[in-house]
Amino acid sequence: MSRICYASVPASSIHRKIKFLSEIEFEEGGEEVAIEFAALDVNFHPLVNLRGGIVMNPIGAFNQNHDGPKWKFIDRPIAATEMQPGAT
């Protein structure tokens, strides 16, 4: 069974010191909708920035590369959709 997933990454500069970035994921044809990431950045000084919201910590290779816009493929890799670790 194929898993259909679409990730939308809306972002905006609200003000020159306020920025908004989010990732909304639609799975199984819209039956499951999740906010993966939503953050508001406020820049007080070039060295001081405040971020608040739903933030996925970039710890490890998976979280840094998780469904971001840098992926250039349409379908998820076979390892994420069909392979089950430990299953024989």
Protein backbone atom coordinates (compact mmCIF):
# COMPACT_ATOMS: atom_id res chain seq x y z
CA MET A 1 0.00 0.00 0.00
CA SER A 2 1.45 3.34 -0.95
CA ARG A 3 1.55 6.18 1.51
CA ILE A 4 0.59 9.51 -0.03
CA CYS A 5 2.21 12.52 1.63
CA TYR A 6 2.33 16.20 0.75
CA ALA A 7 4.27 18.76 2.79
CA SER A 8 3.55 22.46 2.42
CA VAL A 9 6.20 24.90 3.69
CA PRO A 10 4.61 28.35 4.03
CA ALA A 11 6.99 31.11 5.11
CA SER A 12 6.83 34.88 5.29
CA SER A 13 8.77 37.93 6.39
CA ILE A 14 6.12 39.77 8.37
CA HIS A 15 8.48 42.63 9.17
CA ARG A 16 12.18 43.04 8.54
CA LYS A 17 12.79 41.77 12.11
CA ILE A 18 9.92 39.23 12.30
CA LYS A 19 9.82 36.03 10.24
CA PHE A 20 7.42 33.09 10.16
CA LEU A 21 8.21 29.56 8.90
CA SER A 22 6.11 26.41 9.06
CA GLU A 23 5.69 22.93 7.62
CA ILE A 24 2.23 21.42 7.34
CA GLU A 25 2.07 17.76 6.35
CA PHE A 26 -0.94 16.16 4.66
CA GLU A 27 -0.88 12.34 4.69
CA GLU A 28 -3.16 9.69 3.22
CA GLY A 29 -4.90 12.12 0.87
CA GLY A 30 -5.64 14.69 3.58
CA GLU A 31 -7.08 12.28 6.16
CA GLU A 32 -4.20 13.09 8.50
CA VAL A 33 -2.98 16.69 8.81
CA ALA A 34 -0.10 17.61 11.13
CA ILE A 35 1.85 20.75 11.86
CA GLU A 36 5.42 19.46 11.83
CA PHE A 37 7.07 22.82 12.43
CA ALA A 38 5.81 26.35 13.08
CA ALA A 39 8.05 29.10 14.36
CA LEU A 40 8.09 32.85 14.73
CA ASP A 41 11.55 34.45 14.77
CA VAL A 42 12.10 37.91 16.23
CA ASN A 43 15.47 39.50 15.57
CA PHE A 44 16.42 41.97 18.30
CA HIS A 45 20.04 42.40 17.22
CA PRO A 46 22.26 40.63 14.64
CA LEU A 47 23.56 38.46 17.51
CA VAL A 48 20.23 37.99 19.38
CA ASN A 49 17.28 36.11 17.91
CA LEU A 50 14.20 34.73 19.74
CA ARG A 51 12.35 31.72 18.29
CA GLY A 52 9.06 30.38 19.61
CA GLY A 53 6.50 27.87 18.41
CA ILE A 54 6.35 24.19 17.52
CA VAL A 55 10.01 23.44 16.84
CA MET A 56 11.58 20.10 15.85
CA ASN A 57 15.03 19.93 17.39
CA PRO A 58 17.74 19.31 14.78
CA ILE A 59 19.37 16.45 16.71
CA GLY A 60 20.73 13.64 14.56
CA ALA A 61 20.59 13.11 10.81
CA PHE A 62 16.87 12.25 10.72
CA ASN A 63 15.58 15.43 12.34
CA GLN A 64 17.92 17.73 10.39
CA ASN A 65 16.79 16.22 7.12
CA HIS A 66 13.19 15.32 8.00
CA ASP A 67 10.86 16.04 5.07
CA GLY A 68 12.40 19.41 4.40
CA PRO A 69 12.11 21.30 1.13
CA LYS A 70 15.68 20.32 0.20
CA TRP A 71 14.55 16.81 -0.75
CA LYS A 72 14.19 16.60 -4.51
CA PHE A 73 12.04 13.48 -4.85
CA ILE A 74 8.28 13.01 -5.04
CA ASP A 75 7.95 9.67 -3.23
CA ARG A 76 9.37 8.76 0.13
CA PRO A 77 12.30 6.31 0.10
CA ILE A 78 11.52 2.57 0.20
CA ALA A 79 13.16 2.36 3.65
CA ALA A 80 10.52 4.76 5.03
CA THR A 81 7.50 3.15 3.36
CA GLU A 82 8.05 -0.58 2.86
CA MET A 83 11.00 -1.90 4.85
CA GLN A 84 10.53 -2.91 8.46
CA PRO A 85 13.69 -3.17 10.56
CA GLY A 86 13.98 -6.59 12.19
CA ALA A 87 11.23 -8.16 10.09
CA THR A 88 12.21 -11.31 8.20
